[in-house]
Amino acid sequence: MKTEGKKKQNSKNIVDNIRHLKMPERLWKLVAKASKNSRSVNNYIISLIEDDLIRRKMLKKSERKKFQSKNSHFRKRSN
């Protein structure tokens, strides 16, 4: 019973951290088109914001979220 309560609390914490962004449809379509090399539109938007924050020296490069590219799981490992 205690673990069930912790699961609900943990899932609530995750949901509480989600933020939404409203964007005009025309702009969304352009962003979606520009993000084809990214894993998702969301990751592309995050990378744009991080780039700007790094440029403004509000975020360190080491604090940037690490994303995998769309094709990274298809690449062969070099031994």
PDB file of N, CA and C in Angstrom:
ATOM      1  N   MET A   1       0.803  -1.189   0.000  1.00  0.00           N
ATOM      2  CA  MET A   1       0.000   0.000   0.000  1.00  0.00           C
ATOM      3  C   MET A   1       0.855   1.266   0.000  1.00  0.00           C
ATOM      4  N   LYS A   2       1.968   1.231   0.725  1.00  0.00           N
ATOM      5  CA  LYS A   2       2.825   2.410   0.780  1.00  0.00           C
ATOM      6  C   LYS A   2       3.454   2.696  -0.576  1.00  0.00           C
ATOM      7  N   THR A   3       3.849   1.652  -1.306  1.00  0.00           N
ATOM      8  CA  THR A   3       4.470   1.872  -2.616  1.00  0.00           C
ATOM      9  C   THR A   3       3.467   2.476  -3.583  1.00  0.00           C
ATOM     10  N   GLU A   4       2.193   2.113  -3.468  1.00  0.00           N
ATOM     11  CA  GLU A   4       1.183   2.671  -4.355  1.00  0.00           C
ATOM     12  C   GLU A   4       1.044   4.171  -4.124  1.00  0.00           C
ATOM     13  N   GLY A   5       1.104   4.591  -2.879  1.00  0.00           N
ATOM     14  CA  GLY A   5       1.038   6.012  -2.550  1.00  0.00           C
ATOM     15  C   GLY A   5       2.236   6.762  -3.090  1.00  0.00           C
ATOM     16  N   LYS A   6       3.422   6.137  -3.023  1.00  0.00           N
ATOM     17  CA  LYS A   6       4.636   6.767  -3.550  1.00  0.00           C
ATOM     18  C   LYS A   6       4.556   6.907  -5.063  1.00  0.00           C
ATOM     19  N   LYS A   7       4.001   5.874  -5.740  1.00  0.00           N
ATOM     20  CA  LYS A   7       3.868   5.937  -7.195  1.00  0.00           C
ATOM     21  C   LYS A   7       2.970   7.096  -7.600  1.00  0.00           C
ATOM     22  N   LYS A   8       1.852   7.260  -6.895  1.00  0.00           N
ATOM     23  CA  LYS A   8       0.946   8.360  -7.211  1.00  0.00           C
ATOM     24  C   LYS A   8       1.629   9.699  -6.976  1.00  0.00           C
ATOM     25  N   GLN A   9       2.372   9.791  -5.887  1.00  0.00           N
ATOM     26  CA  GLN A   9       3.072  11.037  -5.570  1.00  0.00           C
ATOM     27  C   GLN A   9       4.148  11.329  -6.610  1.00  0.00           C
ATOM     28  N   ASN A  10       4.915  10.303  -7.016  1.00  0.00           N
ATOM     29  CA  ASN A  10       5.964  10.502  -8.024  1.00  0.00           C
ATOM     30  C   ASN A  10       5.367  10.914  -9.361  1.00  0.00           C
ATOM     31  N   SER A  11       4.276  10.279  -9.772  1.00  0.00           N
ATOM     32  CA  SER A  11       3.664  10.633 -11.044  1.00  0.00           C
ATOM     33  C   SER A  11       3.087  12.038 -10.981  1.00  0.00           C
ATOM     34  N   LYS A  12       2.598  12.453  -9.826  1.00  0.00           N
ATOM     35  CA  LYS A  12       2.093  13.815  -9.674  1.00  0.00           C
ATOM     36  C   LYS A  12       3.229  14.822  -9.811  1.00  0.00           C
ATOM     37  N   ASN A  13       4.399  14.510  -9.239  1.00  0.00           N
ATOM     38  CA  ASN A  13       5.552  15.407  -9.356  1.00  0.00           C
ATOM     39  C   ASN A  13       5.973  15.567 -10.814  1.00  0.00           C
ATOM     40  N   ILE A  14       5.953  14.494 -11.569  1.00  0.00           N
ATOM     41  CA  ILE A  14       6.330  14.552 -12.976  1.00  0.00           C
ATOM     42  C   ILE A  14       5.340  15.426 -13.741  1.00  0.00           C
ATOM     43  N   VAL A  15       4.058  15.239 -13.505  1.00  0.00           N
ATOM     44  CA  VAL A  15       3.033  16.016 -14.190  1.00  0.00           C
ATOM     45  C   VAL A  15       3.128  17.485 -13.803  1.00  0.00           C
ATOM     46  N   ASP A  16       3.450  17.771 -12.546  1.00  0.00           N
ATOM     47  CA  ASP A  16       3.563  19.153 -12.095  1.00  0.00           C
ATOM     48  C   ASP A  16       4.687  19.901 -12.798  1.00  0.00           C
ATOM     49  N   ASN A  17       5.665  19.204 -13.343  1.00  0.00           N
ATOM     50  CA  ASN A  17       6.806  19.842 -13.988  1.00  0.00           C
ATOM     51  C   ASN A  17       6.587  20.120 -15.471  1.00  0.00           C
ATOM     52  N   ILE A  18       5.459  19.722 -16.005  1.00  0.00           N
ATOM     53  CA  ILE A  18       5.188  19.917 -17.427  1.00  0.00           C
ATOM     54  C   ILE A  18       4.706  21.345 -17.661  1.00  0.00           C
ATOM     55  N   ARG A  19       5.239  21.968 -18.703  1.00  0.00           N
ATOM     56  CA  ARG A  19       4.816  23.308 -19.091  1.00  0.00           C
ATOM     57  C   ARG A  19       4.282  23.246 -20.513  1.00  0.00           C
ATOM     58  N   HIS A  20       3.346  24.098 -20.814  1.00  0.00           N
ATOM     59  CA  HIS A  20       2.742  24.127 -22.145  1.00  0.00           C
ATOM     60  C   HIS A  20       3.080  25.439 -22.831  1.00  0.00           C
ATOM     61  N   LEU A  21       3.062  25.402 -24.126  1.00  0.00           N
ATOM     62  CA  LEU A  21       3.396  26.568 -24.925  1.00  0.00           C
ATOM     63  C   LEU A  21       2.340  26.721 -26.009  1.00  0.00           C
ATOM     64  N   LYS A  22       1.730  27.881 -26.083  1.00  0.00           N
ATOM     65  CA  LYS A  22       0.768  28.141 -27.152  1.00  0.00           C
ATOM     66  C   LYS A  22       1.506  28.819 -28.291  1.00  0.00           C
ATOM     67  N   MET A  23       1.190  28.385 -29.505  1.00  0.00           N
ATOM     68  CA  MET A  23       1.891  28.896 -30.670  1.00  0.00           C
ATOM     69  C   MET A  23       0.908  28.953 -31.839  1.00  0.00           C
ATOM     70  N   PRO A  24       0.987  29.992 -32.649  1.00  0.00           N
ATOM     71  CA  PRO A  24       0.116  30.048 -33.830  1.00  0.00           C
ATOM     72  C   PRO A  24       0.388  28.865 -34.766  1.00  0.00           C
ATOM     73  N   GLU A  25      -0.642  28.395 -35.431  1.00  0.00           N
ATOM     74  CA  GLU A  25      -0.541  27.231 -36.328  1.00  0.00           C
ATOM     75  C   GLU A  25       0.512  27.447 -37.414  1.00  0.00           C
ATOM     76  N   ARG A  26       0.551  28.644 -37.982  1.00  0.00           N
ATOM     77  CA  ARG A  26       1.527  28.944 -39.040  1.00  0.00           C
ATOM     78  C   ARG A  26       2.951  28.770 -38.531  1.00  0.00           C
ATOM     79  N   LEU A  27       3.218  29.273 -37.338  1.00  0.00           N
ATOM     80  CA  LEU A  27       4.548  29.149 -36.742  1.00  0.00           C
ATOM     81  C   LEU A  27       4.863  27.695 -36.398  1.00  0.00           C
ATOM     82  N   TRP A  28       3.863  26.962 -35.867  1.00  0.00           N
ATOM     83  CA  TRP A  28       4.056  25.552 -35.514  1.00  0.00           C
ATOM     84  C   TRP A  28       4.463  24.746 -36.748  1.00  0.00           C
ATOM     85  N   LYS A  29       3.820  25.004 -37.873  1.00  0.00           N
ATOM     86  CA  LYS A  29       4.150  24.269 -39.101  1.00  0.00           C
ATOM     87  C   LYS A  29       5.590  24.548 -39.540  1.00  0.00           C
ATOM     88  N   LEU A  30       6.029  25.801 -39.401  1.00  0.00           N
ATOM     89  CA  LEU A  30       7.409  26.138 -39.759  1.00  0.00           C
ATOM     90  C   LEU A  30       8.408  25.458 -38.811  1.00  0.00           C
ATOM     91  N   VAL A  31       8.088  25.441 -37.529  1.00  0.00           N
ATOM     92  CA  VAL A  31       8.956  24.788 -36.543  1.00  0.00           C
ATOM     93  C   VAL A  31       9.005  23.288 -36.814  1.00  0.00           C
ATOM     94  N   ALA A  32       7.861  22.683 -37.103  1.00  0.00           N
ATOM     95  CA  ALA A  32       7.819  21.249 -37.401  1.00  0.00           C
ATOM     96  C   ALA A  32       8.661  20.931 -38.638  1.00  0.00           C
ATOM     97  N   LYS A  33       8.595  21.789 -39.641  1.00  0.00           N
ATOM     98  CA  LYS A  33       9.385  21.589 -40.860  1.00  0.00           C
ATOM     99  C   LYS A  33      10.881  21.724 -40.567  1.00  0.00           C
ATOM    100  N   ALA A  34      11.246  22.707 -39.750  1.00  0.00           N
ATOM    101  CA  ALA A  34      12.653  22.950 -39.417  1.00  0.00           C
ATOM    102  C   ALA A  34      13.226  21.876 -38.502  1.00  0.00           C
ATOM    103  N   SER A  35      12.366  21.158 -37.792  1.00  0.00           N
ATOM    104  CA  SER A  35      12.834  20.187 -36.800  1.00  0.00           C
ATOM    105  C   SER A  35      12.981  18.774 -37.348  1.00  0.00           C
ATOM    106  N   LYS A  36      12.974  18.608 -38.646  1.00  0.00           N
ATOM    107  CA  LYS A  36      13.034  17.263 -39.227  1.00  0.00           C
ATOM    108  C   LYS A  36      14.271  16.481 -38.794  1.00  0.00           C
ATOM    109  N   ASN A  37      15.391  17.145 -38.536  1.00  0.00           N
ATOM    110  CA  ASN A  37      16.606  16.445 -38.117  1.00  0.00           C
ATOM    111  C   ASN A  37      16.626  16.156 -36.622  1.00  0.00           C
ATOM    112  N   SER A  38      15.685  16.714 -35.882  1.00  0.00           N
ATOM    113  CA  SER A  38      15.615  16.483 -34.443  1.00  0.00           C
ATOM    114  C   SER A  38      14.730  15.280 -34.163  1.00  0.00           C
ATOM    115  N   ARG A  39      14.827  14.799 -32.951  1.00  0.00           N
ATOM    116  CA  ARG A  39      14.024  13.639 -32.568  1.00  0.00           C
ATOM    117  C   ARG A  39      12.540  13.995 -32.526  1.00  0.00           C
ATOM    118  N   SER A  40      12.215  15.192 -32.069  1.00  0.00           N
ATOM    119  CA  SER A  40      10.827  15.641 -32.024  1.00  0.00           C
ATOM    120  C   SER A  40      10.795  17.158 -32.087  1.00  0.00           C
ATOM    121  N   VAL A  41       9.618  17.689 -32.340  1.00  0.00           N
ATOM    122  CA  VAL A  41       9.449  19.139 -32.352  1.00  0.00           C
ATOM    123  C   VAL A  41       9.768  19.689 -30.969  1.00  0.00           C
ATOM    124  N   ASN A  42       9.327  18.990 -29.928  1.00  0.00           N
ATOM    125  CA  ASN A  42       9.586  19.421 -28.559  1.00  0.00           C
ATOM    126  C   ASN A  42      11.091  19.539 -28.298  1.00  0.00           C
ATOM    127  N   ASN A  43      11.858  18.540 -28.683  1.00  0.00           N
ATOM    128  CA  ASN A  43      13.312  18.578 -28.490  1.00  0.00           C
ATOM    129  C   ASN A  43      13.951  19.713 -29.286  1.00  0.00           C
ATOM    130  N   TYR A  44      13.423  19.977 -30.460  1.00  0.00           N
ATOM    131  CA  TYR A  44      13.935  21.068 -31.284  1.00  0.00           C
ATOM    132  C   TYR A  44      13.704  22.410 -30.600  1.00  0.00           C
ATOM    133  N   ILE A  45      12.514  22.606 -30.070  1.00  0.00           N
ATOM    134  CA  ILE A  45      12.191  23.854 -29.375  1.00  0.00           C
ATOM    135  C   ILE A  45      13.073  24.005 -28.136  1.00  0.00           C
ATOM    136  N   ILE A  46      13.264  22.929 -27.384  1.00  0.00           N
ATOM    137  CA  ILE A  46      14.128  22.969 -26.209  1.00  0.00           C
ATOM    138  C   ILE A  46      15.553  23.368 -26.618  1.00  0.00           C
ATOM    139  N   SER A  47      16.051  22.799 -27.712  1.00  0.00           N
ATOM    140  CA  SER A  47      17.415  23.127 -28.145  1.00  0.00           C
ATOM    141  C   SER A  47      17.531  24.594 -28.564  1.00  0.00           C
ATOM    142  N   LEU A  48      16.494  25.142 -29.199  1.00  0.00           N
ATOM    143  CA  LEU A  48      16.509  26.561 -29.558  1.00  0.00           C
ATOM    144  C   LEU A  48      16.563  27.439 -28.315  1.00  0.00           C
ATOM    145  N   ILE A  49      15.765  27.109 -27.333  1.00  0.00           N
ATOM    146  CA  ILE A  49      15.741  27.884 -26.092  1.00  0.00           C
ATOM    147  C   ILE A  49      17.081  27.765 -25.369  1.00  0.00           C
ATOM    148  N   GLU A  50      17.619  26.548 -25.305  1.00  0.00           N
ATOM    149  CA  GLU A  50      18.914  26.356 -24.651  1.00  0.00           C
ATOM    150  C   GLU A  50      20.021  27.131 -25.365  1.00  0.00           C
ATOM    151  N   ASP A  51      19.996  27.132 -26.696  1.00  0.00           N
ATOM    152  CA  ASP A  51      20.991  27.904 -27.455  1.00  0.00           C
ATOM    153  C   ASP A  51      20.956  29.374 -27.058  1.00  0.00           C
ATOM    154  N   ASP A  52      19.755  29.924 -26.961  1.00  0.00           N
ATOM    155  CA  ASP A  52      19.616  31.327 -26.599  1.00  0.00           C
ATOM    156  C   ASP A  52      20.090  31.579 -25.165  1.00  0.00           C
ATOM    157  N   LEU A  53      19.739  30.691 -24.233  1.00  0.00           N
ATOM    158  CA  LEU A  53      20.156  30.860 -22.842  1.00  0.00           C
ATOM    159  C   LEU A  53      21.672  30.738 -22.692  1.00  0.00           C
ATOM    160  N   ILE A  54      22.297  29.866 -23.465  1.00  0.00           N
ATOM    161  CA  ILE A  54      23.757  29.730 -23.449  1.00  0.00           C
ATOM    162  C   ILE A  54      24.396  31.005 -23.999  1.00  0.00           C
ATOM    163  N   ARG A  55      23.838  31.525 -25.070  1.00  0.00           N
ATOM    164  CA  ARG A  55      24.352  32.758 -25.669  1.00  0.00           C
ATOM    165  C   ARG A  55      24.254  33.919 -24.679  1.00  0.00           C
ATOM    166  N   ARG A  56      23.204  33.937 -23.874  1.00  0.00           N
ATOM    167  CA  ARG A  56      23.018  34.994 -22.877  1.00  0.00           C
ATOM    168  C   ARG A  56      23.771  34.716 -21.576  1.00  0.00           C
ATOM    169  N   LYS A  57      24.491  33.570 -21.544  1.00  0.00           N
ATOM    170  CA  LYS A  57      25.258  33.144 -20.369  1.00  0.00           C
ATOM    171  C   LYS A  57      24.380  32.911 -19.144  1.00  0.00           C
ATOM    172  N   MET A  58      23.163  32.431 -19.398  1.00  0.00           N
ATOM    173  CA  MET A  58      22.246  32.083 -18.314  1.00  0.00           C
ATOM    174  C   MET A  58      22.247  30.576 -18.070  1.00  0.00           C
ATOM    175  N   LEU A  59      22.851  29.835 -18.991  1.00  0.00           N
ATOM    176  CA  LEU A  59      22.918  28.384 -18.923  1.00  0.00           C
ATOM    177  C   LEU A  59      24.289  27.955 -19.407  1.00  0.00           C
ATOM    178  N   LYS A  60      24.883  26.979 -18.718  1.00  0.00           N
ATOM    179  CA  LYS A  60      26.185  26.459 -19.144  1.00  0.00           C
ATOM    180  C   LYS A  60      25.954  25.354 -20.166  1.00  0.00           C
ATOM    181  N   LYS A  61      26.914  25.195 -21.069  1.00  0.00           N
ATOM    182  CA  LYS A  61      26.808  24.123 -22.067  1.00  0.00           C
ATOM    183  C   LYS A  61      26.698  22.757 -21.401  1.00  0.00           C
ATOM    184  N   SER A  62      27.356  22.595 -20.270  1.00  0.00           N
ATOM    185  CA  SER A  62      27.321  21.314 -19.563  1.00  0.00           C
ATOM    186  C   SER A  62      25.946  21.030 -18.960  1.00  0.00           C
ATOM    187  N   GLU A  63      25.115  22.055 -18.802  1.00  0.00           N
ATOM    188  CA  GLU A  63      23.775  21.886 -18.243  1.00  0.00           C
ATOM    189  C   GLU A  63      22.726  21.592 -19.304  1.00  0.00           C
ATOM    190  N   ARG A  64      23.149  21.628 -20.554  1.00  0.00           N
ATOM    191  CA  ARG A  64      22.242  21.386 -21.675  1.00  0.00           C
ATOM    192  C   ARG A  64      21.716  19.957 -21.637  1.00  0.00           C
ATOM    193  N   LYS A  65      20.457  19.774 -21.987  1.00  0.00           N
ATOM    194  CA  LYS A  65      19.863  18.439 -22.044  1.00  0.00           C
ATOM    195  C   LYS A  65      20.453  17.696 -23.234  1.00  0.00           C
ATOM    196  N   LYS A  66      20.775  16.436 -23.021  1.00  0.00           N
ATOM    197  CA  LYS A  66      21.352  15.615 -24.085  1.00  0.00           C
ATOM    198  C   LYS A  66      20.243  14.888 -24.832  1.00  0.00           C
ATOM    199  N   PHE A  67      20.230  15.055 -26.144  1.00  0.00           N
ATOM    200  CA  PHE A  67      19.247  14.382 -26.990  1.00  0.00           C
ATOM    201  C   PHE A  67      19.953  13.400 -27.910  1.00  0.00           C
ATOM    202  N   GLN A  68      19.258  12.339 -28.259  1.00  0.00           N
ATOM    203  CA  GLN A  68      19.755  11.440 -29.290  1.00  0.00           C
ATOM    204  C   GLN A  68      19.123  11.873 -30.599  1.00  0.00           C
ATOM    205  N   SER A  69      19.873  11.786 -31.669  1.00  0.00           N
ATOM    206  CA  SER A  69      19.291  12.115 -32.967  1.00  0.00           C
ATOM    207  C   SER A  69      18.361  11.001 -33.402  1.00  0.00           C
ATOM    208  N   LYS A  70      17.546  11.270 -34.409  1.00  0.00           N
ATOM    209  CA  LYS A  70      16.577  10.284 -34.897  1.00  0.00           C
ATOM    210  C   LYS A  70      17.254   8.982 -35.311  1.00  0.00           C
ATOM    211  N   ASN A  71      18.396   9.080 -35.965  1.00  0.00           N
ATOM    212  CA  ASN A  71      19.045   7.906 -36.552  1.00  0.00           C
ATOM    213  C   ASN A  71      20.127   7.305 -35.672  1.00  0.00           C
ATOM    214  N   SER A  72      20.303   7.787 -34.459  1.00  0.00           N
ATOM    215  CA  SER A  72      21.425   7.322 -33.638  1.00  0.00           C
ATOM    216  C   SER A  72      21.300   5.845 -33.266  1.00  0.00           C
ATOM    217  N   HIS A  73      20.087   5.330 -33.124  1.00  0.00           N
ATOM    218  CA  HIS A  73      19.939   3.933 -32.755  1.00  0.00           C
ATOM    219  C   HIS A  73      20.136   2.997 -33.950  1.00  0.00           C
ATOM    220  N   PHE A  74      20.237   3.530 -35.159  1.00  0.00           N
ATOM    221  CA  PHE A  74      20.469   2.704 -36.341  1.00  0.00           C
ATOM    222  C   PHE A  74      21.954   2.638 -36.710  1.00  0.00           C
ATOM    223  N   ARG A  75      22.754   3.495 -36.144  1.00  0.00           N
ATOM    224  CA  ARG A  75      24.171   3.514 -36.490  1.00  0.00           C
ATOM    225  C   ARG A  75      24.892   2.344 -35.875  1.00  0.00           C
ATOM    226  N   LYS A  76      25.850   1.811 -36.618  1.00  0.00           N
ATOM    227  CA  LYS A  76      26.654   0.710 -36.106  1.00  0.00           C
ATOM    228  C   LYS A  76      27.706   1.254 -35.158  1.00  0.00           C
ATOM    229  N   ARG A  77      27.977   0.480 -34.128  1.00  0.00           N
ATOM    230  CA  ARG A  77      29.035   0.852 -33.202  1.00  0.00           C
ATOM    231  C   ARG A  77      30.381   0.510 -33.793  1.00  0.00           C
ATOM    232  N   SER A  78      31.326   1.403 -33.642  1.00  0.00           N
ATOM    233  CA  SER A  78      32.668   1.104 -34.132  1.00  0.00           C
ATOM    234  C   SER A  78      33.474   0.508 -32.982  1.00  0.00           C
ATOM    235  N   ASN A  79      34.118  -0.617 -33.246  1.00  0.00           N
ATOM    236  CA  ASN A  79      34.893  -1.317 -32.202  1.00  0.00           C
ATOM    237  C   ASN A  79      36.341  -0.997 -32.295  1.00  0.00           C
TER     238      ASN A  79
END
